[in-house]
Amino acid sequence: MLNLILFGPPGAGKGTQSELLMSNYNLNYLSTGDALRKEIKTGTHLGLKAKSIIEAGGLVDDEIIVQIIGNALSSEVNADGWLFDGFPRTYVQAYILDGLFTRLHTSLTRIFILEVSDEECTKRLLQRAKEQNRSDDNETVIKRRLEEYHRKTFPLLEFYENAGILTRINGLGTSEEVFNRINKHLTEELNRRPANVIMFGFPGAGRATQASQLAKDFNFIIISTGELLNEEVRNNGSLASQIAPLLEKGLLVPDEIVIRLIEKKLQNTDGSGRGYVFKGYPRTLVQAYILDGLLKKKGTGVSCVINLKVPVFELIRRLDARSRTASSMPYDNSAASIVARLQEHEERTEPVLDYYSSRGQVIDIEGKGSPDEVYASLKDAVSKAIRIMR
């Protein structure tokens, strides 16, 4: 998931940038104050405990705060990550947040600090006070607030800088200019995340076209079992003598052989891309389990499964048209053979799709439009899937 903290002195424009981050990245806003008030309002055990402390003039301690933040993080929210405000405030709370994320099998993505001079912040706040008729924002109060900000945030910034996840942002300029600076760093961060995509779809759905564009834009390496098998035969590899007779007869190549070829491809391309897009694999439930094992050995896994959905009559039309081109496949020569191939594909792959659907990894993409129209939807879906990976 995309989990962010945005720091900035009073008057730096943190509120505006928070709104832009939430709307552009579908983040859930988590404010310690809001979470605390919600617990008090709903009369929970923690809320009543906090209320009694506040009414007695005390400060709510970390023991209660950690439970309140933990409840908020665990709640069901339709978002792709979190944006924190007012937490952590101390060195201890920074460690607490790490612990909370560990429990949720995620982590803090990045901390941004908006850097604006005290003079500029003072100027902005005084102007705001004048526009909004706020008598509480005078120079004395503003100076005290800025001093408090620097005192409290210095140890936190040191903590996150040592962790390598702190990014300093020039806070001067228009709201759009500042957001573009933040967004540039986030885009780079997301583009570094390793990912693996499976491309599903019936013959004629356009898997090859979409996989090729996906590999180009996301720096993926395409793994096509058909291409691996043909390449092994062409290069007279060690498994060629076992593969060639099966391909000539149109028979399935045993998983034992396919696994070795995929392992070899993974080993030879390790580190040369950010991940893989699998086309034509897995085709069976057994192969789905095999792929999980192969990727686990690399310390990674399946990020999402793209299922290109094209009406059957459109598939038949496309495959019939393909039969009159150089890229014709053996089963393209008649309507009967095309239908038989489509039926076979459905029987084999339906359990595989069910398997990935049960894990919430299948993304259905309308595949009837032009290649560019289909890819636009597909690219957005993959980008989001990568963004919300835990």
Protein backbone atom coordinates (compact mmCIF):
# COMPACT_ATOMS: atom_id res chain seq x y z
CA MET A 1 0.00 0.00 0.00
CA LEU A 2 1.02 3.62 -0.41
CA ASN A 3 1.53 4.97 3.12
CA LEU A 4 2.73 8.56 3.51
CA ILE A 5 3.47 11.15 6.15
CA LEU A 6 3.49 14.83 5.22
CA PHE A 7 5.39 17.20 7.48
CA GLY A 8 5.56 20.97 7.19
CA PRO A 9 5.61 24.05 9.41
CA PRO A 10 2.43 26.05 9.97
CA GLY A 11 1.69 27.97 6.78
CA ALA A 12 3.66 25.60 4.50
CA GLY A 13 0.53 24.49 2.64
CA LYS A 14 0.31 21.01 4.16
CA GLY A 15 -3.50 20.98 4.08
CA THR A 16 -3.66 21.75 0.36
CA GLN A 17 -1.04 19.13 -0.52
CA SER A 18 -2.80 16.56 1.67
CA GLU A 19 -6.01 17.07 -0.29
CA LEU A 20 -4.17 16.66 -3.61
CA LEU A 21 -2.41 13.51 -2.44
CA MET A 22 -5.63 11.95 -1.20
CA SER A 23 -7.57 12.67 -4.37
CA ASN A 24 -4.80 11.65 -6.77
CA TYR A 25 -3.77 8.47 -4.96
CA ASN A 26 -7.02 7.43 -3.24
CA LEU A 27 -5.50 7.67 0.21
CA ASN A 28 -7.37 7.54 3.49
CA TYR A 29 -6.62 10.47 5.79
CA LEU A 30 -5.68 9.53 9.33
CA SER A 31 -5.55 12.27 11.92
CA THR A 32 -4.80 11.37 15.54
CA GLY A 33 -7.22 14.05 16.69
CA ASP A 34 -10.02 12.82 14.40
CA ALA A 35 -9.49 9.19 15.43
CA LEU A 36 -9.52 10.17 19.11
CA ARG A 37 -12.70 12.22 18.77
CA LYS A 38 -14.39 9.36 16.93
CA GLU A 39 -13.61 6.92 19.77
CA ILE A 40 -14.94 9.41 22.32
CA LYS A 41 -18.09 10.17 20.30
CA THR A 42 -18.96 6.49 19.81
CA GLY A 43 -18.36 5.80 23.51
CA THR A 44 -15.88 2.95 23.07
CA HIS A 45 -13.86 1.66 26.02
CA LEU A 46 -10.79 3.53 24.70
CA GLY A 47 -12.84 6.64 24.03
CA LEU A 48 -14.25 6.76 27.56
CA LYS A 49 -10.77 6.20 28.97
CA ALA A 50 -9.33 9.03 26.87
CA LYS A 51 -12.24 11.31 27.74
CA SER A 52 -11.70 10.90 31.49
CA ILE A 53 -7.99 11.75 31.07
CA ILE A 54 -8.73 14.86 28.98
CA GLU A 55 -11.44 16.07 31.40
CA ALA A 56 -8.96 15.70 34.26
CA GLY A 57 -6.56 17.97 32.36
CA GLY A 58 -4.13 15.24 31.38
CA LEU A 59 -2.60 14.14 28.06
CA VAL A 60 -3.68 10.89 26.43
CA ASP A 61 -0.67 8.57 26.66
CA ASP A 62 0.89 6.45 23.89
CA GLU A 63 -0.67 3.27 25.29
CA ILE A 64 -4.12 4.57 24.35
CA ILE A 65 -3.00 6.39 21.17
CA VAL A 66 -1.43 3.24 19.71
CA GLN A 67 -4.66 1.30 20.21
CA ILE A 68 -6.76 4.08 18.64
CA ILE A 69 -4.45 4.35 15.61
CA GLY A 70 -4.38 0.54 15.36
CA ASN A 71 -8.20 0.44 15.29
CA ALA A 72 -8.29 3.08 12.57
CA LEU A 73 -5.72 1.22 10.43
CA SER A 74 -7.59 -2.06 10.79
CA SER A 75 -10.97 -0.58 9.89
CA GLU A 76 -12.50 -1.35 6.49
CA VAL A 77 -11.74 1.53 4.16
CA ASN A 78 -12.01 1.80 0.40
CA ALA A 79 -8.57 3.32 -0.14
CA ASP A 80 -5.16 2.41 -1.54
CA GLY A 81 -3.16 3.59 1.43
CA TRP A 82 -2.88 6.09 4.26
CA LEU A 83 -1.85 9.70 4.70
CA PHE A 84 -0.96 10.52 8.31
CA ASP A 85 -1.48 13.83 10.06
CA GLY A 86 -0.51 14.40 13.67
CA PHE A 87 1.08 10.97 14.05
CA PRO A 88 3.81 10.25 14.81
CA ARG A 89 4.68 13.27 16.93
CA THR A 90 7.55 11.75 18.91
CA TYR A 91 10.51 9.41 18.42
CA VAL A 92 8.66 6.73 20.40
CA GLN A 93 5.56 7.06 18.23
CA ALA A 94 7.71 6.61 15.10
CA TYR A 95 8.66 3.15 16.39
CA ILE A 96 5.03 2.50 17.31
CA LEU A 97 3.94 3.23 13.74
CA ASP A 98 6.55 0.82 12.40
CA GLY A 99 5.14 -1.85 14.69
CA LEU A 100 1.57 -1.19 13.60
CA PHE A 101 2.55 -1.50 9.94
CA THR A 102 4.46 -4.71 10.62
CA ARG A 103 1.30 -6.21 12.08
CA LEU A 104 -0.57 -5.26 8.91
CA HIS A 105 2.19 -6.68 6.66
CA THR A 106 2.86 -3.30 5.07
CA SER A 107 5.26 -0.43 5.66
CA LEU A 108 5.70 3.31 5.48
CA THR A 109 6.42 4.31 1.89
CA ARG A 110 7.81 7.83 2.24
CA ILE A 111 7.84 10.93 4.42
CA PHE A 112 7.71 14.31 2.69
CA ILE A 113 8.66 17.53 4.41
CA LEU A 114 7.60 20.84 2.89
CA GLU A 115 10.50 23.23 3.36
CA VAL A 116 9.41 26.84 3.73
CA SER A 117 11.32 29.49 5.66
CA ASP A 118 9.93 30.86 8.92
CA GLU A 119 9.75 34.30 7.32
CA GLU A 120 7.62 33.01 4.44
CA CYS A 121 5.36 30.99 6.79
CA THR A 122 4.86 34.05 8.99
CA LYS A 123 4.00 36.13 5.94
CA ARG A 124 1.45 33.57 4.75
CA LEU A 125 -0.17 33.13 8.16
CA LEU A 126 -0.50 36.87 8.73
CA GLN A 127 -2.10 37.23 5.32
CA ARG A 128 -4.49 34.37 6.12
CA ALA A 129 -5.35 35.96 9.46
CA LYS A 130 -6.15 39.22 7.68
CA GLU A 131 -8.31 37.49 5.01
CA GLN A 132 -10.16 35.29 7.52
CA ASN A 133 -10.28 37.85 10.35
CA ARG A 134 -8.40 35.49 12.72
CA SER A 135 -7.09 37.48 15.67
CA ASP A 136 -5.34 34.41 17.12
CA ASP A 137 -2.80 34.39 14.25
CA ASN A 138 -0.53 37.25 15.38
CA GLU A 139 3.27 37.38 15.13
CA THR A 140 3.83 36.24 18.74
CA VAL A 141 1.58 33.18 18.40
CA ILE A 142 3.00 32.31 14.99
CA LYS A 143 6.58 32.50 16.28
CA ARG A 144 5.71 30.18 19.17
CA ARG A 145 4.00 27.68 16.83
CA LEU A 146 7.01 27.62 14.49
CA GLU A 147 9.44 27.12 17.38
CA GLU A 148 7.31 24.25 18.69
CA TYR A 149 7.20 22.66 15.22
CA HIS A 150 10.99 22.72 14.84
CA ARG A 151 11.54 21.38 18.35
CA LYS A 152 9.14 18.47 17.94
CA THR A 153 9.91 17.45 14.37
CA PHE A 154 13.73 17.56 14.44
CA PRO A 155 14.20 14.14 16.13
CA LEU A 156 11.49 12.62 13.88
CA LEU A 157 13.13 13.91 10.71
CA GLU A 158 16.45 12.52 11.91
CA PHE A 159 14.77 9.14 12.53
CA TYR A 160 13.27 8.94 9.04
CA GLU A 161 16.33 10.39 7.31
CA ASN A 162 18.41 7.60 8.82
CA ALA A 163 15.81 5.12 7.51
CA GLY A 164 16.29 6.53 3.99
CA ILE A 165 12.64 7.39 3.42
CA LEU A 166 12.64 11.15 4.00
CA THR A 167 12.29 13.47 1.00
CA ARG A 168 12.60 17.23 1.34
CA ILE A 169 10.33 19.27 -0.95
CA ASN A 170 10.72 22.93 -1.86
CA GLY A 171 7.43 24.37 -0.61
CA LEU A 172 7.65 27.63 -2.55
CA GLY A 173 5.55 28.22 -5.67
CA THR A 174 1.97 27.49 -6.63
CA SER A 175 0.09 24.54 -5.12
CA GLU A 176 0.37 22.76 -8.46
CA GLU A 177 4.13 23.29 -8.68
CA VAL A 178 4.67 21.94 -5.17
CA PHE A 179 2.44 18.93 -5.85
CA ASN A 180 4.31 18.18 -9.08
CA ARG A 181 7.55 18.00 -7.08
CA ILE A 182 5.98 15.52 -4.64
CA ASN A 183 4.35 13.56 -7.45
CA LYS A 184 7.67 13.20 -9.31
CA HIS A 185 9.20 11.45 -6.31
CA LEU A 186 6.16 9.23 -5.81
CA THR A 187 6.15 8.19 -9.46
CA GLU A 188 9.81 7.23 -9.24
CA GLU A 189 9.11 5.31 -6.03
CA LEU A 190 6.24 3.34 -7.58
CA ASN A 191 8.24 2.61 -10.73
CA ARG A 192 10.89 0.90 -8.61
CA ARG A 193 8.46 -1.56 -7.07
CA PRO A 194 8.92 -5.12 -8.40
CA ALA A 195 5.77 -6.64 -9.87
CA ASN A 196 4.56 -9.66 -11.84
CA VAL A 197 1.49 -9.71 -14.07
CA ILE A 198 -0.35 -12.65 -15.62
CA MET A 199 -2.09 -11.96 -18.92
CA PHE A 200 -5.28 -13.99 -19.36
CA GLY A 201 -7.72 -14.06 -22.22
CA PHE A 202 -9.12 -16.37 -24.85
CA PRO A 203 -7.24 -16.89 -28.14
CA GLY A 204 -7.86 -13.75 -30.19
CA ALA A 205 -8.32 -11.51 -27.13
CA GLY A 206 -5.11 -9.60 -27.89
CA ARG A 207 -2.86 -10.93 -25.13
CA ALA A 208 0.35 -10.68 -27.16
CA THR A 209 -0.28 -7.07 -28.21
CA GLN A 210 -1.16 -5.92 -24.70
CA ALA A 211 1.66 -7.88 -23.04
CA SER A 212 4.19 -6.29 -25.40
CA GLN A 213 3.04 -2.74 -24.59
CA LEU A 214 2.88 -3.53 -20.88
CA ALA A 215 6.45 -4.85 -20.92
CA LYS A 216 7.65 -1.71 -22.69
CA ASP A 217 5.96 0.78 -20.35
CA PHE A 218 6.64 -1.01 -17.04
CA ASN A 219 10.06 -2.51 -17.83
CA PHE A 220 8.66 -6.04 -17.59
CA ILE A 221 10.17 -9.11 -19.23
CA ILE A 222 7.68 -11.23 -21.16
CA ILE A 223 7.60 -14.93 -20.41
CA SER A 224 5.66 -16.89 -23.01
CA THR A 225 5.87 -20.66 -22.63
CA GLY A 226 5.17 -21.11 -26.34
CA GLU A 227 8.10 -18.90 -27.25
CA LEU A 228 10.35 -20.60 -24.69
CA LEU A 229 9.55 -24.03 -26.13
CA ASN A 230 10.11 -22.94 -29.74
CA GLU A 231 13.32 -21.16 -28.79
CA GLU A 232 14.64 -24.28 -27.07
CA VAL A 233 14.00 -26.30 -30.23
CA ARG A 234 15.47 -23.66 -32.57
CA ASN A 235 18.63 -23.37 -30.49
CA ASN A 236 18.88 -27.17 -30.15
CA GLY A 237 18.95 -26.86 -26.37
CA SER A 238 19.32 -29.74 -23.94
CA LEU A 239 15.54 -30.29 -23.85
CA ALA A 240 14.96 -29.90 -27.61
CA SER A 241 14.85 -33.62 -28.34
CA GLN A 242 12.02 -34.08 -25.81
CA ILE A 243 10.06 -30.99 -26.91
CA ALA A 244 10.20 -31.20 -30.72
CA PRO A 245 8.19 -34.46 -31.17
CA LEU A 246 5.44 -33.16 -28.85
CA LEU A 247 5.16 -29.84 -30.68
CA GLU A 248 5.02 -31.57 -34.06
CA LYS A 249 2.08 -33.70 -32.90
CA GLY A 250 0.34 -30.77 -31.18
CA LEU A 251 0.65 -32.43 -27.79
CA LEU A 252 1.07 -30.68 -24.44
CA VAL A 253 4.62 -30.44 -23.11
CA PRO A 254 4.86 -31.87 -19.53
CA ASP A 255 5.11 -29.39 -16.67
CA GLU A 256 8.44 -30.93 -15.68
CA ILE A 257 9.99 -29.56 -18.89
CA VAL A 258 8.16 -26.21 -18.85
CA ILE A 259 9.29 -25.53 -15.28
CA ARG A 260 12.93 -25.94 -16.24
CA LEU A 261 12.58 -23.47 -19.11
CA ILE A 262 10.84 -20.88 -16.93
CA GLU A 263 13.45 -21.30 -14.18
CA LYS A 264 16.20 -20.81 -16.77
CA LYS A 265 14.51 -17.65 -18.10
CA LEU A 266 14.06 -16.25 -14.58
CA GLN A 267 17.71 -16.94 -13.78
CA ASN A 268 19.08 -15.45 -17.02
CA THR A 269 17.01 -12.26 -16.72
CA ASP A 270 17.31 -11.72 -12.97
CA GLY A 271 17.76 -8.01 -12.25
CA SER A 272 17.31 -6.91 -15.87
CA GLY A 273 13.70 -5.76 -15.39
CA ARG A 274 11.34 -4.80 -12.60
CA GLY A 275 9.33 -8.01 -13.03
CA TYR A 276 7.57 -10.27 -15.51
CA VAL A 277 4.41 -10.44 -17.57
CA PHE A 278 3.36 -14.06 -18.12
CA LYS A 279 1.53 -14.91 -21.34
CA GLY A 280 0.15 -18.42 -21.83
CA TYR A 281 1.12 -19.51 -18.33
CA PRO A 282 -0.35 -20.74 -16.06
CA ARG A 283 -2.99 -22.66 -18.02
CA THR A 284 -3.93 -25.14 -15.32
CA LEU A 285 -4.43 -25.05 -11.57
CA VAL A 286 -1.30 -27.17 -11.13
CA GLN A 287 0.69 -24.61 -13.09
CA ALA A 288 -0.73 -21.79 -10.93
CA TYR A 289 0.72 -23.50 -7.85
CA ILE A 290 4.00 -24.07 -9.70
CA LEU A 291 4.24 -20.39 -10.62
CA ASP A 292 3.66 -19.39 -7.00
CA GLY A 293 6.61 -21.59 -6.05
CA LEU A 294 8.86 -20.27 -8.82
CA LEU A 295 8.21 -16.65 -7.85
CA LYS A 296 8.52 -17.37 -4.14
CA LYS A 297 12.07 -18.59 -4.75
CA LYS A 298 12.79 -15.10 -6.08
CA GLY A 299 11.20 -13.50 -3.02
CA THR A 300 8.25 -12.15 -5.00
CA GLY A 301 4.77 -13.17 -6.18
CA VAL A 302 1.88 -12.45 -8.53
CA SER A 303 0.78 -8.80 -8.38
CA CYS A 304 -2.34 -9.04 -10.50
CA VAL A 305 -4.05 -11.10 -13.21
CA ILE A 306 -5.41 -9.24 -16.22
CA ASN A 307 -8.39 -11.01 -17.79
CA LEU A 308 -9.14 -9.62 -21.26
CA LYS A 309 -12.85 -10.11 -21.83
CA VAL A 310 -13.97 -10.29 -25.48
CA PRO A 311 -17.39 -11.58 -26.69
CA VAL A 312 -17.17 -15.04 -28.29
CA PHE A 313 -18.46 -13.86 -31.69
CA GLU A 314 -15.79 -11.17 -31.75
CA LEU A 315 -13.16 -13.80 -30.92
CA ILE A 316 -14.34 -16.00 -33.79
CA ARG A 317 -14.28 -13.02 -36.15
CA ARG A 318 -10.73 -12.09 -35.12
CA LEU A 319 -9.41 -15.67 -35.36
CA ASP A 320 -11.04 -16.15 -38.75
CA ALA A 321 -9.35 -12.95 -39.96
CA ARG A 322 -6.03 -14.14 -38.54
CA SER A 323 -6.29 -17.39 -40.54
CA ARG A 324 -5.60 -15.35 -43.67
CA THR A 325 -2.39 -13.80 -42.30
CA ALA A 326 1.19 -14.95 -41.75
CA SER A 327 0.52 -15.22 -37.99
CA SER A 328 -2.18 -17.89 -38.51
CA MET A 329 -2.35 -20.67 -35.94
CA PRO A 330 -3.15 -24.34 -36.79
CA TYR A 331 -6.63 -24.11 -35.19
CA ASP A 332 -7.58 -21.01 -37.22
CA ASN A 333 -8.45 -22.98 -40.38
CA SER A 334 -12.16 -23.55 -39.67
CA ALA A 335 -15.01 -22.29 -37.50
CA ALA A 336 -15.33 -25.75 -35.92
CA SER A 337 -11.68 -25.88 -34.88
CA ILE A 338 -11.83 -22.31 -33.58
CA VAL A 339 -14.88 -23.09 -31.42
CA ALA A 340 -13.26 -26.29 -30.15
CA ARG A 341 -10.13 -24.35 -29.17
CA LEU A 342 -12.18 -21.74 -27.34
CA GLN A 343 -14.09 -24.42 -25.44
CA GLU A 344 -10.86 -26.18 -24.47
CA HIS A 345 -9.39 -22.89 -23.25
CA GLU A 346 -12.43 -22.18 -21.09
CA GLU A 347 -12.39 -25.64 -19.50
CA ARG A 348 -8.71 -25.45 -18.69
CA THR A 349 -8.44 -21.88 -17.46
CA GLU A 350 -11.67 -21.40 -15.52
CA PRO A 351 -10.27 -23.10 -12.37
CA VAL A 352 -7.13 -20.95 -12.67
CA LEU A 353 -9.16 -17.75 -12.80
CA ASP A 354 -11.22 -18.93 -9.84
CA TYR A 355 -7.98 -19.53 -7.94
CA TYR A 356 -6.71 -15.98 -8.50
CA SER A 357 -10.19 -14.49 -8.01
CA SER A 358 -10.34 -16.03 -4.54
CA ARG A 359 -7.18 -14.06 -3.76
CA GLY A 360 -8.67 -10.83 -5.12
CA GLN A 361 -6.06 -10.58 -7.88
CA VAL A 362 -8.17 -10.77 -11.06
CA ILE A 363 -8.88 -7.55 -12.95
CA ASP A 364 -11.39 -7.83 -15.79
CA ILE A 365 -10.59 -5.57 -18.74
CA GLU A 366 -13.00 -4.91 -21.61
CA GLY A 367 -11.06 -6.13 -24.65
CA LYS A 368 -13.46 -5.28 -27.47
CA GLY A 369 -12.18 -1.80 -28.35
CA SER A 370 -9.10 -0.78 -30.30
CA PRO A 371 -5.70 -1.95 -28.94
CA ASP A 372 -4.99 1.58 -27.68
CA GLU A 373 -8.36 1.86 -25.92
CA VAL A 374 -7.90 -1.53 -24.27
CA TYR A 375 -4.37 -0.69 -23.21
CA ALA A 376 -5.41 2.59 -21.61
CA SER A 377 -7.72 0.71 -19.23
CA LEU A 378 -5.19 -2.07 -18.71
CA LYS A 379 -2.34 0.31 -17.89
CA ASP A 380 -4.40 2.16 -15.28
CA ALA A 381 -5.41 -1.14 -13.66
CA VAL A 382 -1.83 -2.43 -13.48
CA SER A 383 -0.56 0.89 -12.13
CA LYS A 384 -3.13 0.78 -9.35
CA ALA A 385 -2.41 -2.89 -8.56
CA ILE A 386 1.28 -2.12 -8.17
CA ARG A 387 0.54 0.95 -6.07
CA ILE A 388 -1.56 -0.91 -3.51
CA MET A 389 0.72 -3.93 -3.15
CA ARG A 390 1.53 -4.56 0.48
